[in-house]
Amino acid sequence: NFVEKKKEQKNQMVHQPMVTNLDDDDDD
């Protein structure tokens, strides 16, 4: 469930014209 949620967030980020902030839970 956690991985699927992260993928949904990733897809939303890709379709945005610019990324200005990354959530803190993004893992290095």
mmCIF file of all heavy atoms, coordinates in Angstrom:
data_MODEL
# 
_entry.id   MODEL 
# 
loop_
_atom_site.group_PDB 
_atom_site.id 
_atom_site.type_symbol 
_atom_site.label_atom_id 
_atom_site.label_alt_id 
_atom_site.label_comp_id 
_atom_site.label_asym_id 
_atom_site.label_entity_id 
_atom_site.label_seq_id 
_atom_site.pdbx_PDB_ins_code 
_atom_site.Cartn_x 
_atom_site.Cartn_y 
_atom_site.Cartn_z 
_atom_site.occupancy 
_atom_site.B_iso_or_equiv 
_atom_site.pdbx_formal_charge 
_atom_site.auth_seq_id 
_atom_site.auth_comp_id 
_atom_site.auth_asym_id 
_atom_site.auth_atom_id 
_atom_site.pdbx_PDB_model_num 
ATOM 1   N N   . ASN A 1 1  ? 0.828  -1.208 0.000   1.00 0.00 ? 1  ASN A N   1 
ATOM 2   C CA  . ASN A 1 1  ? 0.000  0.000  0.000   1.00 0.00 ? 1  ASN A CA  1 
ATOM 3   C C   . ASN A 1 1  ? 0.860  1.254  0.000   1.00 0.00 ? 1  ASN A C   1 
ATOM 4   O O   . ASN A 1 1  ? 0.541  2.244  -0.674  1.00 0.00 ? 1  ASN A O   1 
ATOM 5   C CB  . ASN A 1 1  ? -0.926 0.001  1.223   1.00 0.00 ? 1  ASN A CB  1 
ATOM 6   C CG  . ASN A 1 1  ? -1.979 -1.093 1.151   1.00 0.00 ? 1  ASN A CG  1 
ATOM 7   O OD1 . ASN A 1 1  ? -2.316 -1.581 0.074   1.00 0.00 ? 1  ASN A OD1 1 
ATOM 8   N ND2 . ASN A 1 1  ? -2.502 -1.508 2.291   1.00 0.00 ? 1  ASN A ND2 1 
ATOM 9   N N   . PHE A 1 2  ? 1.970  1.228  0.750   1.00 0.00 ? 2  PHE A N   1 
ATOM 10  C CA  . PHE A 1 2  ? 2.851  2.391  0.811   1.00 0.00 ? 2  PHE A CA  1 
ATOM 11  C C   . PHE A 1 2  ? 3.480  2.660  -0.563  1.00 0.00 ? 2  PHE A C   1 
ATOM 12  O O   . PHE A 1 2  ? 3.551  3.806  -1.017  1.00 0.00 ? 2  PHE A O   1 
ATOM 13  C CB  . PHE A 1 2  ? 3.943  2.154  1.858   1.00 0.00 ? 2  PHE A CB  1 
ATOM 14  C CG  . PHE A 1 2  ? 4.917  3.285  1.980   1.00 0.00 ? 2  PHE A CG  1 
ATOM 15  C CD1 . PHE A 1 2  ? 4.611  4.422  2.715   1.00 0.00 ? 2  PHE A CD1 1 
ATOM 16  C CD2 . PHE A 1 2  ? 6.142  3.223  1.343   1.00 0.00 ? 2  PHE A CD2 1 
ATOM 17  C CE1 . PHE A 1 2  ? 5.504  5.473  2.818   1.00 0.00 ? 2  PHE A CE1 1 
ATOM 18  C CE2 . PHE A 1 2  ? 7.054  4.264  1.439   1.00 0.00 ? 2  PHE A CE2 1 
ATOM 19  C CZ  . PHE A 1 2  ? 6.731  5.396  2.175   1.00 0.00 ? 2  PHE A CZ  1 
ATOM 20  N N   . VAL A 1 3  ? 3.941  1.595  -1.245  1.00 0.00 ? 3  VAL A N   1 
ATOM 21  C CA  . VAL A 1 3  ? 4.561  1.747  -2.561  1.00 0.00 ? 3  VAL A CA  1 
ATOM 22  C C   . VAL A 1 3  ? 3.560  2.281  -3.574  1.00 0.00 ? 3  VAL A C   1 
ATOM 23  O O   . VAL A 1 3  ? 3.880  3.157  -4.389  1.00 0.00 ? 3  VAL A O   1 
ATOM 24  C CB  . VAL A 1 3  ? 5.146  0.397  -3.028  1.00 0.00 ? 3  VAL A CB  1 
ATOM 25  C CG1 . VAL A 1 3  ? 5.570  0.468  -4.487  1.00 0.00 ? 3  VAL A CG1 1 
ATOM 26  C CG2 . VAL A 1 3  ? 6.342  0.011  -2.164  1.00 0.00 ? 3  VAL A CG2 1 
ATOM 27  N N   . GLU A 1 4  ? 2.333  1.758  -3.541  1.00 0.00 ? 4  GLU A N   1 
ATOM 28  C CA  . GLU A 1 4  ? 1.310  2.236  -4.481  1.00 0.00 ? 4  GLU A CA  1 
ATOM 29  C C   . GLU A 1 4  ? 0.982  3.709  -4.244  1.00 0.00 ? 4  GLU A C   1 
ATOM 30  O O   . GLU A 1 4  ? 0.770  4.471  -5.190  1.00 0.00 ? 4  GLU A O   1 
ATOM 31  C CB  . GLU A 1 4  ? 0.052  1.374  -4.350  1.00 0.00 ? 4  GLU A CB  1 
ATOM 32  C CG  . GLU A 1 4  ? 0.245  -0.053 -4.869  1.00 0.00 ? 4  GLU A CG  1 
ATOM 33  C CD  . GLU A 1 4  ? -0.985 -0.914 -4.660  1.00 0.00 ? 4  GLU A CD  1 
ATOM 34  O OE1 . GLU A 1 4  ? -1.922 -0.446 -3.964  1.00 0.00 ? 4  GLU A OE1 1 
ATOM 35  O OE2 . GLU A 1 4  ? -1.015 -2.051 -5.184  1.00 0.00 ? 4  GLU A OE2 1 
ATOM 36  N N   . LYS A 1 5  ? 0.962  4.104  -2.983  1.00 0.00 ? 5  LYS A N   1 
ATOM 37  C CA  . LYS A 1 5  ? 0.708  5.515  -2.657  1.00 0.00 ? 5  LYS A CA  1 
ATOM 38  C C   . LYS A 1 5  ? 1.828  6.396  -3.191  1.00 0.00 ? 5  LYS A C   1 
ATOM 39  O O   . LYS A 1 5  ? 1.582  7.475  -3.742  1.00 0.00 ? 5  LYS A O   1 
ATOM 40  C CB  . LYS A 1 5  ? 0.573  5.673  -1.144  1.00 0.00 ? 5  LYS A CB  1 
ATOM 41  C CG  . LYS A 1 5  ? 0.293  7.105  -0.696  1.00 0.00 ? 5  LYS A CG  1 
ATOM 42  C CD  . LYS A 1 5  ? 0.179  7.185  0.820   1.00 0.00 ? 5  LYS A CD  1 
ATOM 43  C CE  . LYS A 1 5  ? -0.039 8.642  1.265   1.00 0.00 ? 5  LYS A CE  1 
ATOM 44  N NZ  . LYS A 1 5  ? -0.115 8.754  2.737   1.00 0.00 ? 5  LYS A NZ  1 
ATOM 45  N N   . LYS A 1 6  ? 3.077  5.933  -3.048  1.00 0.00 ? 6  LYS A N   1 
ATOM 46  C CA  . LYS A 1 6  ? 4.215  6.689  -3.549  1.00 0.00 ? 6  LYS A CA  1 
ATOM 47  C C   . LYS A 1 6  ? 4.174  6.820  -5.064  1.00 0.00 ? 6  LYS A C   1 
ATOM 48  O O   . LYS A 1 6  ? 4.513  7.863  -5.622  1.00 0.00 ? 6  LYS A O   1 
ATOM 49  C CB  . LYS A 1 6  ? 5.510  6.002  -3.124  1.00 0.00 ? 6  LYS A CB  1 
ATOM 50  C CG  . LYS A 1 6  ? 5.759  6.007  -1.631  1.00 0.00 ? 6  LYS A CG  1 
ATOM 51  C CD  . LYS A 1 6  ? 6.444  7.268  -1.176  1.00 0.00 ? 6  LYS A CD  1 
ATOM 52  C CE  . LYS A 1 6  ? 7.880  7.284  -1.613  1.00 0.00 ? 6  LYS A CE  1 
ATOM 53  N NZ  . LYS A 1 6  ? 8.639  8.389  -1.012  1.00 0.00 ? 6  LYS A NZ  1 
ATOM 54  N N   . LYS A 1 7  ? 3.729  5.768  -5.745  1.00 0.00 ? 7  LYS A N   1 
ATOM 55  C CA  . LYS A 1 7  ? 3.636  5.819  -7.206  1.00 0.00 ? 7  LYS A CA  1 
ATOM 56  C C   . LYS A 1 7  ? 2.597  6.842  -7.649  1.00 0.00 ? 7  LYS A C   1 
ATOM 57  O O   . LYS A 1 7  ? 2.798  7.555  -8.637  1.00 0.00 ? 7  LYS A O   1 
ATOM 58  C CB  . LYS A 1 7  ? 3.289  4.430  -7.757  1.00 0.00 ? 7  LYS A CB  1 
ATOM 59  C CG  . LYS A 1 7  ? 4.458  3.464  -7.737  1.00 0.00 ? 7  LYS A CG  1 
ATOM 60  C CD  . LYS A 1 7  ? 4.074  2.144  -8.362  1.00 0.00 ? 7  LYS A CD  1 
ATOM 61  C CE  . LYS A 1 7  ? 5.253  1.173  -8.386  1.00 0.00 ? 7  LYS A CE  1 
ATOM 62  N NZ  . LYS A 1 7  ? 4.906  -0.125 -8.984  1.00 0.00 ? 7  LYS A NZ  1 
ATOM 63  N N   . GLU A 1 8  ? 1.466  6.905  -6.930  1.00 0.00 ? 8  GLU A N   1 
ATOM 64  C CA  . GLU A 1 8  ? 0.446  7.906  -7.256  1.00 0.00 ? 8  GLU A CA  1 
ATOM 65  C C   . GLU A 1 8  ? 1.003  9.315  -7.084  1.00 0.00 ? 8  GLU A C   1 
ATOM 66  O O   . GLU A 1 8  ? 0.767  10.195 -7.914  1.00 0.00 ? 8  GLU A O   1 
ATOM 67  C CB  . GLU A 1 8  ? -0.779 7.707  -6.362  1.00 0.00 ? 8  GLU A CB  1 
ATOM 68  C CG  . GLU A 1 8  ? -1.544 6.421  -6.645  1.00 0.00 ? 8  GLU A CG  1 
ATOM 69  C CD  . GLU A 1 8  ? -2.721 6.238  -5.712  1.00 0.00 ? 8  GLU A CD  1 
ATOM 70  O OE1 . GLU A 1 8  ? -2.954 7.152  -4.876  1.00 0.00 ? 8  GLU A OE1 1 
ATOM 71  O OE2 . GLU A 1 8  ? -3.412 5.212  -5.804  1.00 0.00 ? 8  GLU A OE2 1 
ATOM 72  N N   . GLN A 1 9  ? 1.772  9.536  -6.022  1.00 0.00 ? 9  GLN A N   1 
ATOM 73  C CA  . GLN A 1 9  ? 2.391  10.841 -5.815  1.00 0.00 ? 9  GLN A CA  1 
ATOM 74  C C   . GLN A 1 9  ? 3.384  11.159 -6.920  1.00 0.00 ? 9  GLN A C   1 
ATOM 75  O O   . GLN A 1 9  ? 3.470  12.291 -7.393  1.00 0.00 ? 9  GLN A O   1 
ATOM 76  C CB  . GLN A 1 9  ? 3.089  10.872 -4.453  1.00 0.00 ? 9  GLN A CB  1 
ATOM 77  C CG  . GLN A 1 9  ? 2.140  10.791 -3.267  1.00 0.00 ? 9  GLN A CG  1 
ATOM 78  C CD  . GLN A 1 9  ? 2.879  10.716 -1.942  1.00 0.00 ? 9  GLN A CD  1 
ATOM 79  O OE1 . GLN A 1 9  ? 4.093  10.594 -1.916  1.00 0.00 ? 9  GLN A OE1 1 
ATOM 80  N NE2 . GLN A 1 9  ? 2.127  10.778 -0.850  1.00 0.00 ? 9  GLN A NE2 1 
ATOM 81  N N   . LYS A 1 10 ? 4.126  10.151 -7.349  1.00 0.00 ? 10 LYS A N   1 
ATOM 82  C CA  . LYS A 1 10 ? 5.104  10.350 -8.417  1.00 0.00 ? 10 LYS A CA  1 
ATOM 83  C C   . LYS A 1 10 ? 4.412  10.742 -9.722  1.00 0.00 ? 10 LYS A C   1 
ATOM 84  O O   . LYS A 1 10 ? 4.853  11.649 -10.426 1.00 0.00 ? 10 LYS A O   1 
ATOM 85  C CB  . LYS A 1 10 ? 5.903  9.067  -8.612  1.00 0.00 ? 10 LYS A CB  1 
ATOM 86  C CG  . LYS A 1 10 ? 6.831  9.102  -9.820  1.00 0.00 ? 10 LYS A CG  1 
ATOM 87  C CD  . LYS A 1 10 ? 7.501  7.757  -9.997  1.00 0.00 ? 10 LYS A CD  1 
ATOM 88  C CE  . LYS A 1 10 ? 8.252  7.717  -11.311 1.00 0.00 ? 10 LYS A CE  1 
ATOM 89  N NZ  . LYS A 1 10 ? 8.895  6.411  -11.531 1.00 0.00 ? 10 LYS A NZ  1 
ATOM 90  N N   . ASN A 1 11 ? 3.316  10.054 -10.060 1.00 0.00 ? 11 ASN A N   1 
ATOM 91  C CA  . ASN A 1 11 ? 2.588  10.373 -11.289 1.00 0.00 ? 11 ASN A CA  1 
ATOM 92  C C   . ASN A 1 11 ? 2.044  11.800 -11.260 1.00 0.00 ? 11 ASN A C   1 
ATOM 93  O O   . ASN A 1 11 ? 2.043  12.500 -12.276 1.00 0.00 ? 11 ASN A O   1 
ATOM 94  C CB  . ASN A 1 11 ? 1.437  9.390  -11.498 1.00 0.00 ? 11 ASN A CB  1 
ATOM 95  C CG  . ASN A 1 11 ? 1.932  7.995  -11.805 1.00 0.00 ? 11 ASN A CG  1 
ATOM 96  O OD1 . ASN A 1 11 ? 3.027  7.820  -12.340 1.00 0.00 ? 11 ASN A OD1 1 
ATOM 97  N ND2 . ASN A 1 11 ? 1.131  6.977  -11.475 1.00 0.00 ? 11 ASN A ND2 1 
ATOM 98  N N   . GLN A 1 12 ? 1.573  12.238 -10.097 1.00 0.00 ? 12 GLN A N   1 
ATOM 99  C CA  . GLN A 1 12 ? 1.096  13.612 -9.972  1.00 0.00 ? 12 GLN A CA  1 
ATOM 100 C C   . GLN A 1 12 ? 2.230  14.607 -10.170 1.00 0.00 ? 12 GLN A C   1 
ATOM 101 O O   . GLN A 1 12 ? 2.064  15.638 -10.819 1.00 0.00 ? 12 GLN A O   1 
ATOM 102 C CB  . GLN A 1 12 ? 0.457  13.811 -8.594  1.00 0.00 ? 12 GLN A CB  1 
ATOM 103 C CG  . GLN A 1 12 ? -0.829 13.006 -8.389  1.00 0.00 ? 12 GLN A CG  1 
ATOM 104 C CD  . GLN A 1 12 ? -1.353 13.105 -6.973  1.00 0.00 ? 12 GLN A CD  1 
ATOM 105 O OE1 . GLN A 1 12 ? -0.772 13.793 -6.133  1.00 0.00 ? 12 GLN A OE1 1 
ATOM 106 N NE2 . GLN A 1 12 ? -2.449 12.414 -6.707  1.00 0.00 ? 12 GLN A NE2 1 
ATOM 107 N N   . MET A 1 13 ? 3.435  14.294 -9.658  1.00 0.00 ? 13 MET A N   1 
ATOM 108 C CA  . MET A 1 13 ? 4.587  15.169 -9.801  1.00 0.00 ? 13 MET A CA  1 
ATOM 109 C C   . MET A 1 13 ? 5.020  15.278 -11.244 1.00 0.00 ? 13 MET A C   1 
ATOM 110 O O   . MET A 1 13 ? 5.390  16.342 -11.735 1.00 0.00 ? 13 MET A O   1 
ATOM 111 C CB  . MET A 1 13 ? 5.752  14.644 -8.953  1.00 0.00 ? 13 MET A CB  1 
ATOM 112 C CG  . MET A 1 13 ? 5.548  14.796 -7.459  1.00 0.00 ? 13 MET A CG  1 
ATOM 113 S SD  . MET A 1 13 ? 6.733  13.790 -6.532  1.00 0.00 ? 13 MET A SD  1 
ATOM 114 C CE  . MET A 1 13 ? 8.256  14.464 -7.173  1.00 0.00 ? 13 MET A CE  1 
ATOM 115 N N   . VAL A 1 14 ? 4.977  14.150 -11.984 1.00 0.00 ? 14 VAL A N   1 
ATOM 116 C CA  . VAL A 1 14 ? 5.441  14.140 -13.369 1.00 0.00 ? 14 VAL A CA  1 
ATOM 117 C C   . VAL A 1 14 ? 4.588  15.020 -14.258 1.00 0.00 ? 14 VAL A C   1 
ATOM 118 O O   . VAL A 1 14 ? 5.076  15.668 -15.177 1.00 0.00 ? 14 VAL A O   1 
ATOM 119 C CB  . VAL A 1 14 ? 5.463  12.688 -13.908 1.00 0.00 ? 14 VAL A CB  1 
ATOM 120 C CG1 . VAL A 1 14 ? 5.657  12.664 -15.414 1.00 0.00 ? 14 VAL A CG1 1 
ATOM 121 C CG2 . VAL A 1 14 ? 6.570  11.896 -13.221 1.00 0.00 ? 14 VAL A CG2 1 
ATOM 122 N N   . HIS A 1 15 ? 3.293  15.087 -13.987 1.00 0.00 ? 15 HIS A N   1 
ATOM 123 C CA  . HIS A 1 15 ? 2.391  15.862 -14.818 1.00 0.00 ? 15 HIS A CA  1 
ATOM 124 C C   . HIS A 1 15 ? 2.320  17.327 -14.415 1.00 0.00 ? 15 HIS A C   1 
ATOM 125 O O   . HIS A 1 15 ? 1.590  18.097 -15.035 1.00 0.00 ? 15 HIS A O   1 
ATOM 126 C CB  . HIS A 1 15 ? 0.983  15.240 -14.790 1.00 0.00 ? 15 HIS A CB  1 
ATOM 127 C CG  . HIS A 1 15 ? 0.923  13.930 -15.526 1.00 0.00 ? 15 HIS A CG  1 
ATOM 128 N ND1 . HIS A 1 15 ? 1.189  12.729 -14.902 1.00 0.00 ? 15 HIS A ND1 1 
ATOM 129 C CD2 . HIS A 1 15 ? 0.676  13.638 -16.827 1.00 0.00 ? 15 HIS A CD2 1 
ATOM 130 C CE1 . HIS A 1 15 ? 1.071  11.753 -15.788 1.00 0.00 ? 15 HIS A CE1 1 
ATOM 131 N NE2 . HIS A 1 15 ? 0.765  12.281 -16.955 1.00 0.00 ? 15 HIS A NE2 1 
ATOM 132 N N   . GLN A 1 16 ? 3.045  17.722 -13.390 1.00 0.00 ? 16 GLN A N   1 
ATOM 133 C CA  . GLN A 1 16 ? 3.114  19.131 -13.027 1.00 0.00 ? 16 GLN A CA  1 
ATOM 134 C C   . GLN A 1 16 ? 4.178  19.819 -13.865 1.00 0.00 ? 16 GLN A C   1 
ATOM 135 O O   . GLN A 1 16 ? 5.213  19.223 -14.195 1.00 0.00 ? 16 GLN A O   1 
ATOM 136 C CB  . GLN A 1 16 ? 3.465  19.285 -11.542 1.00 0.00 ? 16 GLN A CB  1 
ATOM 137 C CG  . GLN A 1 16 ? 2.353  18.823 -10.618 1.00 0.00 ? 16 GLN A CG  1 
ATOM 138 C CD  . GLN A 1 16 ? 2.773  18.880 -9.162  1.00 0.00 ? 16 GLN A CD  1 
ATOM 139 O OE1 . GLN A 1 16 ? 3.903  19.222 -8.868  1.00 0.00 ? 16 GLN A OE1 1 
ATOM 140 N NE2 . GLN A 1 16 ? 1.852  18.560 -8.278  1.00 0.00 ? 16 GLN A NE2 1 
ATOM 141 N N   . PRO A 1 17 ? 3.990  21.106 -14.249 1.00 0.00 ? 17 PRO A N   1 
ATOM 142 C CA  . PRO A 1 17 ? 4.968  21.801 -15.076 1.00 0.00 ? 17 PRO A CA  1 
ATOM 143 C C   . PRO A 1 17 ? 6.290  22.029 -14.364 1.00 0.00 ? 17 PRO A C   1 
ATOM 144 O O   . PRO A 1 17 ? 7.319  22.122 -14.989 1.00 0.00 ? 17 PRO A O   1 
ATOM 145 C CB  . PRO A 1 17 ? 4.281  23.132 -15.402 1.00 0.00 ? 17 PRO A CB  1 
ATOM 146 C CG  . PRO A 1 17 ? 3.279  23.331 -14.313 1.00 0.00 ? 17 PRO A CG  1 
ATOM 147 C CD  . PRO A 1 17 ? 2.830  21.958 -13.943 1.00 0.00 ? 17 PRO A CD  1 
ATOM 148 N N   . MET A 1 18 ? 6.304  22.111 -13.031 1.00 0.00 ? 18 MET A N   1 
ATOM 149 C CA  . MET A 1 18 ? 7.549  22.352 -12.311 1.00 0.00 ? 18 MET A CA  1 
ATOM 150 C C   . MET A 1 18 ? 7.382  21.846 -10.887 1.00 0.00 ? 18 MET A C   1 
ATOM 151 O O   . MET A 1 18 ? 6.325  21.982 -10.279 1.00 0.00 ? 18 MET A O   1 
ATOM 152 C CB  . MET A 1 18 ? 7.867  23.856 -12.305 1.00 0.00 ? 18 MET A CB  1 
ATOM 153 C CG  . MET A 1 18 ? 9.180  24.187 -11.572 1.00 0.00 ? 18 MET A CG  1 
ATOM 154 S SD  . MET A 1 18 ? 9.571  25.923 -11.697 1.00 0.00 ? 18 MET A SD  1 
ATOM 155 C CE  . MET A 1 18 ? 8.210  26.643 -10.780 1.00 0.00 ? 18 MET A CE  1 
ATOM 156 N N   . VAL A 1 19 ? 8.443  21.258 -10.347 1.00 0.00 ? 19 VAL A N   1 
ATOM 157 C CA  . VAL A 1 19 ? 8.415  20.787 -8.975  1.00 0.00 ? 19 VAL A CA  1 
ATOM 158 C C   . VAL A 1 19 ? 9.154  21.789 -8.121  1.00 0.00 ? 19 VAL A C   1 
ATOM 159 O O   . VAL A 1 19 ? 10.337 22.060 -8.337  1.00 0.00 ? 19 VAL A O   1 
ATOM 160 C CB  . VAL A 1 19 ? 9.071  19.392 -8.867  1.00 0.00 ? 19 VAL A CB  1 
ATOM 161 C CG1 . VAL A 1 19 ? 9.150  18.962 -7.424  1.00 0.00 ? 19 VAL A CG1 1 
ATOM 162 C CG2 . VAL A 1 19 ? 8.272  18.380 -9.664  1.00 0.00 ? 19 VAL A CG2 1 
ATOM 163 N N   . THR A 1 20 ? 8.481  22.330 -7.147  1.00 0.00 ? 20 THR A N   1 
ATOM 164 C CA  . THR A 1 20 ? 9.097  23.344 -6.289  1.00 0.00 ? 20 THR A CA  1 
ATOM 165 C C   . THR A 1 20 ? 9.445  22.807 -4.929  1.00 0.00 ? 20 THR A C   1 
ATOM 166 O O   . THR A 1 20 ? 10.216 23.387 -4.200  1.00 0.00 ? 20 THR A O   1 
ATOM 167 C CB  . THR A 1 20 ? 8.139  24.541 -6.115  1.00 0.00 ? 20 THR A CB  1 
ATOM 168 O OG1 . THR A 1 20 ? 6.911  24.075 -5.560  1.00 0.00 ? 20 THR A OG1 1 
ATOM 169 C CG2 . THR A 1 20 ? 7.875  25.203 -7.457  1.00 0.00 ? 20 THR A CG2 1 
ATOM 170 N N   . ASN A 1 21 ? 8.863  21.682 -4.546  1.00 0.00 ? 21 ASN A N   1 
ATOM 171 C CA  . ASN A 1 21 ? 9.119  21.154 -3.215  1.00 0.00 ? 21 ASN A CA  1 
ATOM 172 C C   . ASN A 1 21 ? 8.932  19.643 -3.211  1.00 0.00 ? 21 ASN A C   1 
ATOM 173 O O   . ASN A 1 21 ? 8.042  19.127 -3.867  1.00 0.00 ? 21 ASN A O   1 
ATOM 174 C CB  . ASN A 1 21 ? 8.159  21.790 -2.199  1.00 0.00 ? 21 ASN A CB  1 
ATOM 175 C CG  . ASN A 1 21 ? 8.458  21.321 -0.785  1.00 0.00 ? 21 ASN A CG  1 
ATOM 176 O OD1 . ASN A 1 21 ? 9.615  21.129 -0.441  1.00 0.00 ? 21 ASN A OD1 1 
ATOM 177 N ND2 . ASN A 1 21 ? 7.419  21.143 0.007   1.00 0.00 ? 21 ASN A ND2 1 
ATOM 178 N N   . LEU A 1 22 ? 9.792  18.955 -2.544  1.00 0.00 ? 22 LEU A N   1 
ATOM 179 C CA  . LEU A 1 22 ? 9.673  17.513 -2.392  1.00 0.00 ? 22 LEU A CA  1 
ATOM 180 C C   . LEU A 1 22 ? 9.321  17.215 -0.958  1.00 0.00 ? 22 LEU A C   1 
ATOM 181 O O   . LEU A 1 22 ? 9.903  17.780 -0.038  1.00 0.00 ? 22 LEU A O   1 
ATOM 182 C CB  . LEU A 1 22 ? 10.992 16.824 -2.752  1.00 0.00 ? 22 LEU A CB  1 
ATOM 183 C CG  . LEU A 1 22 ? 11.423 16.965 -4.216  1.00 0.00 ? 22 LEU A CG  1 
ATOM 184 C CD1 . LEU A 1 22 ? 12.772 16.283 -4.407  1.00 0.00 ? 22 LEU A CD1 1 
ATOM 185 C CD2 . LEU A 1 22 ? 10.394 16.385 -5.147  1.00 0.00 ? 22 LEU A CD2 1 
ATOM 186 N N   . ASP A 1 23 ? 8.362  16.309 -0.766  1.00 0.00 ? 23 ASP A N   1 
ATOM 187 C CA  . ASP A 1 23 ? 7.931  15.989 0.588   1.00 0.00 ? 23 ASP A CA  1 
ATOM 188 C C   . ASP A 1 23 ? 9.066  15.359 1.375   1.00 0.00 ? 23 ASP A C   1 
ATOM 189 O O   . ASP A 1 23 ? 9.926  14.669 0.832   1.00 0.00 ? 23 ASP A O   1 
ATOM 190 C CB  . ASP A 1 23 ? 6.745  15.005 0.519   1.00 0.00 ? 23 ASP A CB  1 
ATOM 191 C CG  . ASP A 1 23 ? 6.068  14.882 1.861   1.00 0.00 ? 23 ASP A CG  1 
ATOM 192 O OD1 . ASP A 1 23 ? 5.279  15.782 2.208   1.00 0.00 ? 23 ASP A OD1 1 
ATOM 193 O OD2 . ASP A 1 23 ? 6.348  13.898 2.543   1.00 0.00 ? 23 ASP A OD2 1 
ATOM 194 N N   . ASP A 1 24 ? 9.094  15.552 2.677   1.00 0.00 ? 24 ASP A N   1 
ATOM 195 C CA  . ASP A 1 24 ? 10.190 15.082 3.510   1.00 0.00 ? 24 ASP A CA  1 
ATOM 196 C C   . ASP A 1 24 ? 10.298 13.566 3.551   1.00 0.00 ? 24 ASP A C   1 
ATOM 197 O O   . ASP A 1 24 ? 11.346 13.030 3.878   1.00 0.00 ? 24 ASP A O   1 
ATOM 198 C CB  . ASP A 1 24 ? 10.034 15.607 4.958   1.00 0.00 ? 24 ASP A CB  1 
ATOM 199 C CG  . ASP A 1 24 ? 10.322 17.100 5.036   1.00 0.00 ? 24 ASP A CG  1 
ATOM 200 O OD1 . ASP A 1 24 ? 10.999 17.588 4.107   1.00 0.00 ? 24 ASP A OD1 1 
ATOM 201 O OD2 . ASP A 1 24 ? 9.860  17.737 6.001   1.00 0.00 ? 24 ASP A OD2 1 
ATOM 202 N N   . ASP A 1 25 ? 9.187  12.871 3.235   1.00 0.00 ? 25 ASP A N   1 
ATOM 203 C CA  . ASP A 1 25 ? 9.269  11.420 3.355   1.00 0.00 ? 25 ASP A CA  1 
ATOM 204 C C   . ASP A 1 25 ? 9.897  10.789 2.134   1.00 0.00 ? 25 ASP A C   1 
ATOM 205 O O   . ASP A 1 25 ? 10.009 9.584  2.049   1.00 0.00 ? 25 ASP A O   1 
ATOM 206 C CB  . ASP A 1 25 ? 7.882  10.787 3.608   1.00 0.00 ? 25 ASP A CB  1 
ATOM 207 C CG  . ASP A 1 25 ? 6.968  10.919 2.408   1.00 0.00 ? 25 ASP A CG  1 
ATOM 208 O OD1 . ASP A 1 25 ? 7.291  11.715 1.514   1.00 0.00 ? 25 ASP A OD1 1 
ATOM 209 O OD2 . ASP A 1 25 ? 5.937  10.232 2.398   1.00 0.00 ? 25 ASP A OD2 1 
ATOM 210 N N   . ASP A 1 26 ? 10.328 11.600 1.135   1.00 0.00 ? 26 ASP A N   1 
ATOM 211 C CA  . ASP A 1 26 ? 11.026 11.047 -0.009  1.00 0.00 ? 26 ASP A CA  1 
ATOM 212 C C   . ASP A 1 26 ? 12.396 10.593 0.436   1.00 0.00 ? 26 ASP A C   1 
ATOM 213 O O   . ASP A 1 26 ? 13.165 11.337 1.018   1.00 0.00 ? 26 ASP A O   1 
ATOM 214 C CB  . ASP A 1 26 ? 11.148 12.080 -1.133  1.00 0.00 ? 26 ASP A CB  1 
ATOM 215 C CG  . ASP A 1 26 ? 9.846  12.229 -1.878  1.00 0.00 ? 26 ASP A CG  1 
ATOM 216 O OD1 . ASP A 1 26 ? 9.081  11.256 -1.920  1.00 0.00 ? 26 ASP A OD1 1 
ATOM 217 O OD2 . ASP A 1 26 ? 9.608  13.328 -2.394  1.00 0.00 ? 26 ASP A OD2 1 
ATOM 218 N N   . ASP A 1 27 ? 12.725 9.358  0.123   1.00 0.00 ? 27 ASP A N   1 
ATOM 219 C CA  . ASP A 1 27 ? 13.925 8.707  0.635   1.00 0.00 ? 27 ASP A CA  1 
ATOM 220 C C   . ASP A 1 27 ? 15.085 8.909  -0.316  1.00 0.00 ? 27 ASP A C   1 
ATOM 221 O O   . ASP A 1 27 ? 14.935 8.784  -1.519  1.00 0.00 ? 27 ASP A O   1 
ATOM 222 C CB  . ASP A 1 27 ? 13.624 7.194  0.757   1.00 0.00 ? 27 ASP A CB  1 
ATOM 223 C CG  . ASP A 1 27 ? 14.547 6.539  1.733   1.00 0.00 ? 27 ASP A CG  1 
ATOM 224 O OD1 . ASP A 1 27 ? 15.730 6.887  1.726   1.00 0.00 ? 27 ASP A OD1 1 
ATOM 225 O OD2 . ASP A 1 27 ? 14.045 5.679  2.481   1.00 0.00 ? 27 ASP A OD2 1 
ATOM 226 N N   . ASP A 1 28 ? 16.264 9.205  0.208   1.00 0.00 ? 28 ASP A N   1 
ATOM 227 C CA  . ASP A 1 28 ? 17.443 9.370  -0.617  1.00 0.00 ? 28 ASP A CA  1 
ATOM 228 C C   . ASP A 1 28 ? 17.766 8.109  -1.395  1.00 0.00 ? 28 ASP A C   1 
ATOM 229 O O   . ASP A 1 28 ? 18.342 8.158  -2.466  1.00 0.00 ? 28 ASP A O   1 
ATOM 230 C CB  . ASP A 1 28 ? 18.660 9.751  0.247   1.00 0.00 ? 28 ASP A CB  1 
ATOM 231 C CG  . ASP A 1 28 ? 18.519 11.159 0.816   1.00 0.00 ? 28 ASP A CG  1 
ATOM 232 O OD1 . ASP A 1 28 ? 17.712 11.923 0.260   1.00 0.00 ? 28 ASP A OD1 1 
ATOM 233 O OD2 . ASP A 1 28 ? 19.210 11.473 1.800   1.00 0.00 ? 28 ASP A OD2 1 
# 
